[in-house]
Structures are given as C-alpha cells and as structure tokens.
PDB file of N, CA and C in Angstrom:
ATOM      1  N   MET A   1      11.823  -9.618  11.969  1.00  0.00           N
ATOM      2  CA  MET A   1      11.003  -9.223  10.847  1.00  0.00           C
ATOM      3  C   MET A   1      10.033  -8.141  11.292  1.00  0.00           C
ATOM      4  N   VAL A   2       9.669  -7.297  10.342  1.00  0.00           N
ATOM      5  CA  VAL A   2       8.758  -6.189  10.609  1.00  0.00           C
ATOM      6  C   VAL A   2       7.603  -6.262   9.629  1.00  0.00           C
ATOM      7  N   LYS A   3       6.387  -6.124  10.164  1.00  0.00           N
ATOM      8  CA  LYS A   3       5.205  -6.000   9.319  1.00  0.00           C
ATOM      9  C   LYS A   3       4.831  -4.529   9.259  1.00  0.00           C
ATOM     10  N   HIS A   4       4.622  -4.058   8.050  1.00  0.00           N
ATOM     11  CA  HIS A   4       4.229  -2.680   7.759  1.00  0.00           C
ATOM     12  C   HIS A   4       2.829  -2.777   7.152  1.00  0.00           C
ATOM     13  N   ILE A   5       1.824  -2.375   7.931  1.00  0.00           N
ATOM     14  CA  ILE A   5       0.439  -2.497   7.487  1.00  0.00           C
ATOM     15  C   ILE A   5      -0.131  -1.100   7.300  1.00  0.00           C
ATOM     16  N   VAL A   6      -0.691  -0.860   6.112  1.00  0.00           N
ATOM     17  CA  VAL A   6      -1.239   0.451   5.780  1.00  0.00           C
ATOM     18  C   VAL A   6      -2.613   0.255   5.153  1.00  0.00           C
ATOM     19  N   THR A   7      -3.536   1.108   5.533  1.00  0.00           N
ATOM     20  CA  THR A   7      -4.855   1.084   4.912  1.00  0.00           C
ATOM     21  C   THR A   7      -5.192   2.475   4.400  1.00  0.00           C
ATOM     22  N   PHE A   8      -5.924   2.515   3.294  1.00  0.00           N
ATOM     23  CA  PHE A   8      -6.255   3.766   2.630  1.00  0.00           C
ATOM     24  C   PHE A   8      -7.751   3.895   2.415  1.00  0.00           C
ATOM     25  N   LYS A   9      -8.224   5.108   2.600  1.00  0.00           N
ATOM     26  CA  LYS A   9      -9.587   5.471   2.255  1.00  0.00           C
ATOM     27  C   LYS A   9      -9.464   6.429   1.075  1.00  0.00           C
ATOM     28  N   LEU A  10     -10.164   6.139  -0.006  1.00  0.00           N
ATOM     29  CA  LEU A  10     -10.052   6.922  -1.232  1.00  0.00           C
ATOM     30  C   LEU A  10     -11.286   7.800  -1.445  1.00  0.00           C
ATOM     31  N   THR A  11     -11.133   8.787  -2.315  1.00  0.00           N
ATOM     32  CA  THR A  11     -12.238   9.669  -2.665  1.00  0.00           C
ATOM     33  C   THR A  11     -12.780   9.276  -4.036  1.00  0.00           C
ATOM     34  N   GLY A  12     -13.983   9.733  -4.335  1.00  0.00           N
ATOM     35  CA  GLY A  12     -14.578   9.493  -5.642  1.00  0.00           C
ATOM     36  C   GLY A  12     -15.751   8.531  -5.561  1.00  0.00           C
ATOM     37  N   THR A  13     -16.302   8.247  -6.723  1.00  0.00           N
ATOM     38  CA  THR A  13     -17.400   7.294  -6.805  1.00  0.00           C
ATOM     39  C   THR A  13     -16.854   5.890  -6.549  1.00  0.00           C
ATOM     40  N   PRO A  14     -17.730   4.938  -6.263  1.00  0.00           N
ATOM     41  CA  PRO A  14     -17.238   3.568  -6.071  1.00  0.00           C
ATOM     42  C   PRO A  14     -16.425   3.051  -7.261  1.00  0.00           C
ATOM     43  N   SER A  15     -16.841   3.345  -8.468  1.00  0.00           N
ATOM     44  CA  SER A  15     -16.083   2.856  -9.628  1.00  0.00           C
ATOM     45  C   SER A  15     -14.747   3.581  -9.779  1.00  0.00           C
ATOM     46  N   GLU A  16     -14.707   4.867  -9.464  1.00  0.00           N
ATOM     47  CA  GLU A  16     -13.435   5.605  -9.502  1.00  0.00           C
ATOM     48  C   GLU A  16     -12.478   5.069  -8.442  1.00  0.00           C
ATOM     49  N   ARG A  17     -13.003   4.823  -7.243  1.00  0.00           N
ATOM     50  CA  ARG A  17     -12.164   4.294  -6.170  1.00  0.00           C
ATOM     51  C   ARG A  17     -11.629   2.913  -6.523  1.00  0.00           C
ATOM     52  N   LEU A  18     -12.464   2.078  -7.128  1.00  0.00           N
ATOM     53  CA  LEU A  18     -12.018   0.746  -7.526  1.00  0.00           C
ATOM     54  C   LEU A  18     -10.935   0.831  -8.592  1.00  0.00           C
ATOM     55  N   ASP A  19     -11.082   1.734  -9.536  1.00  0.00           N
ATOM     56  CA  ASP A  19     -10.078   1.898 -10.590  1.00  0.00           C
ATOM     57  C   ASP A  19      -8.735   2.320  -9.997  1.00  0.00           C
ATOM     58  N   VAL A  20      -8.750   3.318  -9.130  1.00  0.00           N
ATOM     59  CA  VAL A  20      -7.509   3.784  -8.488  1.00  0.00           C
ATOM     60  C   VAL A  20      -6.906   2.666  -7.642  1.00  0.00           C
ATOM     61  N   ALA A  21      -7.738   1.988  -6.861  1.00  0.00           N
ATOM     62  CA  ALA A  21      -7.263   0.904  -6.002  1.00  0.00           C
ATOM     63  C   ALA A  21      -6.629  -0.212  -6.817  1.00  0.00           C
ATOM     64  N   THR A  22      -7.215  -0.544  -7.947  1.00  0.00           N
ATOM     65  CA  THR A  22      -6.685  -1.621  -8.796  1.00  0.00           C
ATOM     66  C   THR A  22      -5.336  -1.236  -9.389  1.00  0.00           C
ATOM     67  N   ARG A  23      -5.229  -0.009  -9.881  1.00  0.00           N
ATOM     68  CA  ARG A  23      -3.945   0.439 -10.438  1.00  0.00           C
ATOM     69  C   ARG A  23      -2.867   0.485  -9.359  1.00  0.00           C
ATOM     70  N   PHE A  24      -3.239   0.936  -8.164  1.00  0.00           N
ATOM     71  CA  PHE A  24      -2.324   0.993  -7.033  1.00  0.00           C
ATOM     72  C   PHE A  24      -1.878  -0.418  -6.634  1.00  0.00           C
ATOM     73  N   LYS A  25      -2.807  -1.344  -6.539  1.00  0.00           N
ATOM     74  CA  LYS A  25      -2.497  -2.731  -6.191  1.00  0.00           C
ATOM     75  C   LYS A  25      -1.519  -3.333  -7.193  1.00  0.00           C
ATOM     76  N   ASN A  26      -1.780  -3.139  -8.483  1.00  0.00           N
ATOM     77  CA  ASN A  26      -0.898  -3.696  -9.510  1.00  0.00           C
ATOM     78  C   ASN A  26       0.519  -3.151  -9.389  1.00  0.00           C
ATOM     79  N   ALA A  27       0.644  -1.859  -9.093  1.00  0.00           N
ATOM     80  CA  ALA A  27       1.973  -1.255  -8.936  1.00  0.00           C
ATOM     81  C   ALA A  27       2.674  -1.808  -7.692  1.00  0.00           C
ATOM     82  N   LEU A  28       1.934  -1.953  -6.597  1.00  0.00           N
ATOM     83  CA  LEU A  28       2.533  -2.478  -5.368  1.00  0.00           C
ATOM     84  C   LEU A  28       2.931  -3.943  -5.508  1.00  0.00           C
ATOM     85  N   ASP A  29       2.119  -4.721  -6.205  1.00  0.00           N
ATOM     86  CA  ASP A  29       2.428  -6.147  -6.373  1.00  0.00           C
ATOM     87  C   ASP A  29       3.758  -6.367  -7.088  1.00  0.00           C
ATOM     88  N   ALA A  30       4.190  -5.399  -7.879  1.00  0.00           N
ATOM     89  CA  ALA A  30       5.451  -5.522  -8.623  1.00  0.00           C
ATOM     90  C   ALA A  30       6.676  -5.125  -7.794  1.00  0.00           C
ATOM     91  N   LEU A  31       6.476  -4.553  -6.617  1.00  0.00           N
ATOM     92  CA  LEU A  31       7.598  -4.001  -5.850  1.00  0.00           C
ATOM     93  C   LEU A  31       8.613  -5.014  -5.323  1.00  0.00           C
ATOM     94  N   PRO A  32       8.236  -6.225  -4.901  1.00  0.00           N
ATOM     95  CA  PRO A  32       9.268  -7.131  -4.382  1.00  0.00           C
ATOM     96  C   PRO A  32      10.386  -7.428  -5.383  1.00  0.00           C
ATOM     97  N   GLU A  33      10.090  -7.363  -6.648  1.00  0.00           N
ATOM     98  CA  GLU A  33      11.124  -7.597  -7.661  1.00  0.00           C
ATOM     99  C   GLU A  33      12.024  -6.380  -7.846  1.00  0.00           C
ATOM    100  N   GLN A  34      11.580  -5.231  -7.340  1.00  0.00           N
ATOM    101  CA  GLN A  34      12.308  -3.985  -7.563  1.00  0.00           C
ATOM    102  C   GLN A  34      13.015  -3.447  -6.322  1.00  0.00           C
ATOM    103  N   ILE A  35      12.572  -3.865  -5.137  1.00  0.00           N
ATOM    104  CA  ILE A  35      13.116  -3.335  -3.884  1.00  0.00           C
ATOM    105  C   ILE A  35      13.707  -4.485  -3.078  1.00  0.00           C
ATOM    106  N   ASP A  36      15.022  -4.501  -2.959  1.00  0.00           N
ATOM    107  CA  ASP A  36      15.718  -5.617  -2.321  1.00  0.00           C
ATOM    108  C   ASP A  36      15.279  -5.889  -0.889  1.00  0.00           C
ATOM    109  N   VAL A  37      15.024  -4.841  -0.101  1.00  0.00           N
ATOM    110  CA  VAL A  37      14.690  -5.046   1.309  1.00  0.00           C
ATOM    111  C   VAL A  37      13.268  -5.571   1.507  1.00  0.00           C
ATOM    112  N   LEU A  38      12.447  -5.496   0.487  1.00  0.00           N
ATOM    113  CA  LEU A  38      11.048  -5.917   0.600  1.00  0.00           C
ATOM    114  C   LEU A  38      10.957  -7.424   0.402  1.00  0.00           C
ATOM    115  N   LYS A  39      10.672  -8.131   1.488  1.00  0.00           N
ATOM    116  CA  LYS A  39      10.583  -9.593   1.435  1.00  0.00           C
ATOM    117  C   LYS A  39       9.293 -10.051   0.767  1.00  0.00           C
ATOM    118  N   SER A  40       8.189  -9.358   1.071  1.00  0.00           N
ATOM    119  CA  SER A  40       6.910  -9.688   0.449  1.00  0.00           C
ATOM    120  C   SER A  40       5.944  -8.533   0.653  1.00  0.00           C
ATOM    121  N   ILE A  41       4.890  -8.542  -0.160  1.00  0.00           N
ATOM    122  CA  ILE A  41       3.811  -7.570  -0.001  1.00  0.00           C
ATOM    123  C   ILE A  41       2.510  -8.252  -0.397  1.00  0.00           C
ATOM    124  N   GLU A  42       1.483  -7.972   0.368  1.00  0.00           N
ATOM    125  CA  GLU A  42       0.137  -8.466   0.062  1.00  0.00           C
ATOM    126  C   GLU A  42      -0.778  -7.256   0.044  1.00  0.00           C
ATOM    127  N   VAL A  43      -1.556  -7.122  -1.022  1.00  0.00           N
ATOM    128  CA  VAL A  43      -2.427  -5.970  -1.187  1.00  0.00           C
ATOM    129  C   VAL A  43      -3.849  -6.458  -1.386  1.00  0.00           C
ATOM    130  N   GLY A  44      -4.774  -5.900  -0.619  1.00  0.00           N
ATOM    131  CA  GLY A  44      -6.169  -6.278  -0.748  1.00  0.00           C
ATOM    132  C   GLY A  44      -7.046  -5.074  -1.022  1.00  0.00           C
ATOM    133  N   ILE A  45      -8.034  -5.273  -1.883  1.00  0.00           N
ATOM    134  CA  ILE A  45      -9.027  -4.244  -2.178  1.00  0.00           C
ATOM    135  C   ILE A  45     -10.321  -4.658  -1.489  1.00  0.00           C
ATOM    136  N   ASN A  46     -10.878  -3.748  -0.689  1.00  0.00           N
ATOM    137  CA  ASN A  46     -12.086  -4.041   0.073  1.00  0.00           C
ATOM    138  C   ASN A  46     -13.242  -4.433  -0.847  1.00  0.00           C
ATOM    139  N   GLN A  47     -13.914  -5.502  -0.496  1.00  0.00           N
ATOM    140  CA  GLN A  47     -15.080  -5.956  -1.249  1.00  0.00           C
ATOM    141  C   GLN A  47     -16.364  -5.851  -0.430  1.00  0.00           C
ATOM    142  N   ASN A  48     -16.264  -5.323   0.776  1.00  0.00           N
ATOM    143  CA  ASN A  48     -17.416  -5.200   1.658  1.00  0.00           C
ATOM    144  C   ASN A  48     -17.968  -3.776   1.554  1.00  0.00           C
ATOM    145  N   PRO A  49     -19.112  -3.584   0.891  1.00  0.00           N
ATOM    146  CA  PRO A  49     -19.651  -2.235   0.711  1.00  0.00           C
ATOM    147  C   PRO A  49     -20.071  -1.558   2.013  1.00  0.00           C
ATOM    148  N   ALA A  50     -20.188  -2.303   3.088  1.00  0.00           N
ATOM    149  CA  ALA A  50     -20.548  -1.716   4.380  1.00  0.00           C
ATOM    150  C   ALA A  50     -19.357  -1.035   5.057  1.00  0.00           C
ATOM    151  N   GLU A  51     -18.147  -1.246   4.529  1.00  0.00           N
ATOM    152  CA  GLU A  51     -16.938  -0.661   5.102  1.00  0.00           C
ATOM    153  C   GLU A  51     -16.452   0.501   4.241  1.00  0.00           C
ATOM    154  N   SER A  52     -15.762   1.458   4.873  1.00  0.00           N
ATOM    155  CA  SER A  52     -15.382   2.679   4.152  1.00  0.00           C
ATOM    156  C   SER A  52     -13.910   2.739   3.742  1.00  0.00           C
ATOM    157  N   TRP A  53     -13.086   1.778   4.172  1.00  0.00           N
ATOM    158  CA  TRP A  53     -11.681   1.756   3.773  1.00  0.00           C
ATOM    159  C   TRP A  53     -11.565   0.942   2.488  1.00  0.00           C
ATOM    160  N   ASP A  54     -10.695   1.384   1.581  1.00  0.00           N
ATOM    161  CA  ASP A  54     -10.651   0.805   0.239  1.00  0.00           C
ATOM    162  C   ASP A  54      -9.527  -0.189  -0.007  1.00  0.00           C
ATOM    163  N   VAL A  55      -8.354   0.071   0.534  1.00  0.00           N
ATOM    164  CA  VAL A  55      -7.174  -0.739   0.237  1.00  0.00           C
ATOM    165  C   VAL A  55      -6.396  -0.995   1.520  1.00  0.00           C
ATOM    166  N   VAL A  56      -5.836  -2.197   1.631  1.00  0.00           N
ATOM    167  CA  VAL A  56      -4.928  -2.503   2.734  1.00  0.00           C
ATOM    168  C   VAL A  56      -3.707  -3.206   2.154  1.00  0.00           C
ATOM    169  N   LEU A  57      -2.554  -2.899   2.717  1.00  0.00           N
ATOM    170  CA  LEU A  57      -1.345  -3.608   2.292  1.00  0.00           C
ATOM    171  C   LEU A  57      -0.573  -4.059   3.518  1.00  0.00           C
ATOM    172  N   THR A  58       0.063  -5.201   3.376  1.00  0.00           N
ATOM    173  CA  THR A  58       0.962  -5.722   4.394  1.00  0.00           C
ATOM    174  C   THR A  58       2.288  -6.007   3.711  1.00  0.00           C
ATOM    175  N   ALA A  59       3.310  -5.255   4.093  1.00  0.00           N
ATOM    176  CA  ALA A  59       4.654  -5.444   3.555  1.00  0.00           C
ATOM    177  C   ALA A  59       5.529  -6.014   4.669  1.00  0.00           C
ATOM    178  N   ILE A  60       6.466  -6.864   4.298  1.00  0.00           N
ATOM    179  CA  ILE A  60       7.378  -7.455   5.274  1.00  0.00           C
ATOM    180  C   ILE A  60       8.815  -7.141   4.880  1.00  0.00           C
ATOM    181  N   VAL A  61       9.550  -6.610   5.871  1.00  0.00           N
ATOM    182  CA  VAL A  61      10.984  -6.352   5.740  1.00  0.00           C
ATOM    183  C   VAL A  61      11.669  -6.964   6.960  1.00  0.00           C
ATOM    184  N   ASP A  62      12.988  -7.050   6.914  1.00  0.00           N
ATOM    185  CA  ASP A  62      13.713  -7.664   8.026  1.00  0.00           C
ATOM    186  C   ASP A  62      13.835  -6.778   9.256  1.00  0.00           C
ATOM    187  N   LYS A  63      14.106  -5.465   9.049  1.00  0.00           N
ATOM    188  CA  LYS A  63      14.374  -4.567  10.174  1.00  0.00           C
ATOM    189  C   LYS A  63      13.551  -3.294  10.033  1.00  0.00           C
ATOM    190  N   MET A  64      13.272  -2.652  11.158  1.00  0.00           N
ATOM    191  CA  MET A  64      12.469  -1.430  11.171  1.00  0.00           C
ATOM    192  C   MET A  64      13.069  -0.354  10.263  1.00  0.00           C
ATOM    193  N   GLU A  65      14.404  -0.255  10.221  1.00  0.00           N
ATOM    194  CA  GLU A  65      15.056   0.757   9.384  1.00  0.00           C
ATOM    195  C   GLU A  65      14.738   0.548   7.904  1.00  0.00           C
ATOM    196  N   GLU A  66      14.417  -0.672   7.529  1.00  0.00           N
ATOM    197  CA  GLU A  66      14.144  -0.970   6.123  1.00  0.00           C
ATOM    198  C   GLU A  66      12.765  -0.503   5.674  1.00  0.00           C
ATOM    199  N   VAL A  67      11.899  -0.187   6.621  1.00  0.00           N
ATOM    200  CA  VAL A  67      10.602   0.391   6.245  1.00  0.00           C
ATOM    201  C   VAL A  67      10.842   1.723   5.537  1.00  0.00           C
ATOM    202  N   GLU A  68      11.766   2.518   6.059  1.00  0.00           N
ATOM    203  CA  GLU A  68      12.077   3.810   5.440  1.00  0.00           C
ATOM    204  C   GLU A  68      12.758   3.629   4.087  1.00  0.00           C
ATOM    205  N   ILE A  69      13.631   2.646   3.976  1.00  0.00           N
ATOM    206  CA  ILE A  69      14.277   2.372   2.679  1.00  0.00           C
ATOM    207  C   ILE A  69      13.227   2.019   1.643  1.00  0.00           C
ATOM    208  N   TYR A  70      12.293   1.150   2.024  1.00  0.00           N
ATOM    209  CA  TYR A  70      11.178   0.772   1.149  1.00  0.00           C
ATOM    210  C   TYR A  70      10.345   1.995   0.781  1.00  0.00           C
ATOM    211  N   ALA A  71      10.006   2.813   1.776  1.00  0.00           N
ATOM    212  CA  ALA A  71       9.135   3.965   1.552  1.00  0.00           C
ATOM    213  C   ALA A  71       9.758   4.992   0.610  1.00  0.00           C
ATOM    214  N   LYS A  72      11.084   5.150   0.670  1.00  0.00           N
ATOM    215  CA  LYS A  72      11.762   6.157  -0.146  1.00  0.00           C
ATOM    216  C   LYS A  72      12.229   5.631  -1.504  1.00  0.00           C
ATOM    217  N   HIS A  73      12.100   4.348  -1.741  1.00  0.00           N
ATOM    218  CA  HIS A  73      12.552   3.774  -3.007  1.00  0.00           C
ATOM    219  C   HIS A  73      11.734   4.376  -4.156  1.00  0.00           C
ATOM    220  N   PRO A  74      12.384   4.727  -5.272  1.00  0.00           N
ATOM    221  CA  PRO A  74      11.672   5.348  -6.394  1.00  0.00           C
ATOM    222  C   PRO A  74      10.480   4.538  -6.917  1.00  0.00           C
ATOM    223  N   ALA A  75      10.568   3.219  -6.886  1.00  0.00           N
ATOM    224  CA  ALA A  75       9.451   2.400  -7.362  1.00  0.00           C
ATOM    225  C   ALA A  75       8.248   2.526  -6.424  1.00  0.00           C
ATOM    226  N   HIS A  76       8.511   2.600  -5.115  1.00  0.00           N
ATOM    227  CA  HIS A  76       7.413   2.793  -4.154  1.00  0.00           C
ATOM    228  C   HIS A  76       6.835   4.196  -4.281  1.00  0.00           C
ATOM    229  N   VAL A  77       7.694   5.182  -4.433  1.00  0.00           N
ATOM    230  CA  VAL A  77       7.231   6.568  -4.594  1.00  0.00           C
ATOM    231  C   VAL A  77       6.332   6.679  -5.828  1.00  0.00           C
ATOM    232  N   ALA A  78       6.717   6.018  -6.913  1.00  0.00           N
ATOM    233  CA  ALA A  78       5.900   6.038  -8.133  1.00  0.00           C
ATOM    234  C   ALA A  78       4.546   5.369  -7.898  1.00  0.00           C
ATOM    235  N   ALA A  79       4.543   4.247  -7.190  1.00  0.00           N
ATOM    236  CA  ALA A  79       3.278   3.563  -6.883  1.00  0.00           C
ATOM    237  C   ALA A  79       2.393   4.453  -6.015  1.00  0.00           C
ATOM    238  N   ALA A  80       2.976   5.058  -4.990  1.00  0.00           N
ATOM    239  CA  ALA A  80       2.204   5.926  -4.093  1.00  0.00           C
ATOM    240  C   ALA A  80       1.641   7.136  -4.818  1.00  0.00           C
ATOM    241  N   SER A  81       2.327   7.598  -5.845  1.00  0.00           N
ATOM    242  CA  SER A  81       1.846   8.773  -6.582  1.00  0.00           C
ATOM    243  C   SER A  81       0.537   8.493  -7.318  1.00  0.00           C
ATOM    244  N   LEU A  82       0.207   7.223  -7.517  1.00  0.00           N
ATOM    245  CA  LEU A  82      -1.067   6.880  -8.146  1.00  0.00           C
ATOM    246  C   LEU A  82      -2.257   7.292  -7.287  1.00  0.00           C
ATOM    247  N   LEU A  83      -2.019   7.524  -5.998  1.00  0.00           N
ATOM    248  CA  LEU A  83      -3.093   7.942  -5.102  1.00  0.00           C
ATOM    249  C   LEU A  83      -3.263   9.455  -5.036  1.00  0.00           C
ATOM    250  N   ALA A  84      -2.378  10.190  -5.703  1.00  0.00           N
ATOM    251  CA  ALA A  84      -2.445  11.654  -5.663  1.00  0.00           C
ATOM    252  C   ALA A  84      -3.830  12.136  -6.099  1.00  0.00           C
ATOM    253  N   GLY A  85      -4.431  12.959  -5.251  1.00  0.00           N
ATOM    254  CA  GLY A  85      -5.750  13.496  -5.544  1.00  0.00           C
ATOM    255  C   GLY A  85      -6.890  12.546  -5.237  1.00  0.00           C
ATOM    256  N   HIS A  86      -6.580  11.338  -4.754  1.00  0.00           N
ATOM    257  CA  HIS A  86      -7.610  10.338  -4.474  1.00  0.00           C
ATOM    258  C   HIS A  86      -7.600   9.859  -3.025  1.00  0.00           C
ATOM    259  N   LYS A  87      -6.579  10.229  -2.256  1.00  0.00           N
ATOM    260  CA  LYS A  87      -6.429   9.713  -0.892  1.00  0.00           C
ATOM    261  C   LYS A  87      -7.183  10.596   0.090  1.00  0.00           C
ATOM    262  N   ALA A  88      -8.182  10.013   0.756  1.00  0.00           N
ATOM    263  CA  ALA A  88      -8.924  10.733   1.782  1.00  0.00           C
ATOM    264  C   ALA A  88      -8.289  10.549   3.153  1.00  0.00           C
ATOM    265  N   ASP A  89      -7.743   9.358   3.391  1.00  0.00           N
ATOM    266  CA  ASP A  89      -7.151   9.075   4.700  1.00  0.00           C
ATOM    267  C   ASP A  89      -6.189   7.892   4.576  1.00  0.00           C
ATOM    268  N   ARG A  90      -5.285   7.801   5.542  1.00  0.00           N
ATOM    269  CA  ARG A  90      -4.294   6.732   5.595  1.00  0.00           C
ATOM    270  C   ARG A  90      -4.034   6.401   7.054  1.00  0.00           C
ATOM    271  N   ALA A  91      -3.898   5.116   7.341  1.00  0.00           N
ATOM    272  CA  ALA A  91      -3.519   4.677   8.683  1.00  0.00           C
ATOM    273  C   ALA A  91      -2.418   3.627   8.538  1.00  0.00           C
ATOM    274  N   CYS A  92      -1.463   3.623   9.466  1.00  0.00           N
ATOM    275  CA  CYS A  92      -0.320   2.723   9.366  1.00  0.00           C
ATOM    276  C   CYS A  92       0.069   2.184  10.733  1.00  0.00           C
ATOM    277  N   VAL A  93       0.483   0.922  10.750  1.00  0.00           N
ATOM    278  CA  VAL A  93       1.056   0.296  11.938  1.00  0.00           C
ATOM    279  C   VAL A  93       2.269  -0.512  11.479  1.00  0.00           C
ATOM    280  N   ASP A  94       3.397  -0.294  12.163  1.00  0.00           N
ATOM    281  CA  ASP A  94       4.614  -1.063  11.924  1.00  0.00           C
ATOM    282  C   ASP A  94       4.940  -1.802  13.215  1.00  0.00           C
ATOM    283  N   TYR A  95       5.150  -3.108  13.130  1.00  0.00           N
ATOM    284  CA  TYR A  95       5.495  -3.837  14.348  1.00  0.00           C
ATOM    285  C   TYR A  95       6.444  -4.989  14.030  1.00  0.00           C
ATOM    286  N   GLU A  96       7.260  -5.310  15.034  1.00  0.00           N
ATOM    287  CA  GLU A  96       8.224  -6.407  14.895  1.00  0.00           C
ATOM    288  C   GLU A  96       7.576  -7.716  15.280  1.00  0.00           C
ATOM    289  N   LEU A  97       7.925  -8.750  14.551  1.00  0.00           N
ATOM    290  CA  LEU A  97       7.414 -10.095  14.842  1.00  0.00           C
ATOM    291  C   LEU A  97       8.324 -10.774  15.843  1.00  0.00           C
TER     292      LEU A  97
END
C-alpha cells in the first residue's frame, strides 16, 4: 500500500481560503467512488490559526504506479482545478507501507 500525503497553502483572506478549502475537500471526498485505484482519502482543513498551511489530504492506493493514475484521472483533475489561482504552495510525500 502507498500513502500519498499532500498539503496546500492557499492565498486570500481567511474566509476566502476557507471557502476554497471547503469546496476542494468536498470534491476530493467524492473521489473514491469515481477512481477505482483510490482505496480511501481523508481530507482535513486546518483549524489552527497559528499555522499557515490550509489543507492536507491522505490518499491510499495499492501501488506507487497508481498514484499517477489517481493524479491523472479526470475527476481528480477537476477537483484540483478548484485551487486554480488560490494555491500558494504545495508539498507532497508518497511512501509505501
């Protein structure tokens, strides 16, 4: 199994960032029903105002090659497009369990 962990820092006011993060979370939460290789996904929106990162996701697939299948799937691409113009930074770690 592979864990794909990504965190995002967004631009805008706190309320704008929360709105974008919420729409992004809702789109990502629907992905396991749409992408066969995606075993599960957990999405969290930061609630600690002392921290500067806004969203974190943990997706689980069976094999490292499936991370790319997930990333290129049209449903994932559509979800990621919700961050267009709002993404300040992104960090990712993929590792096998």
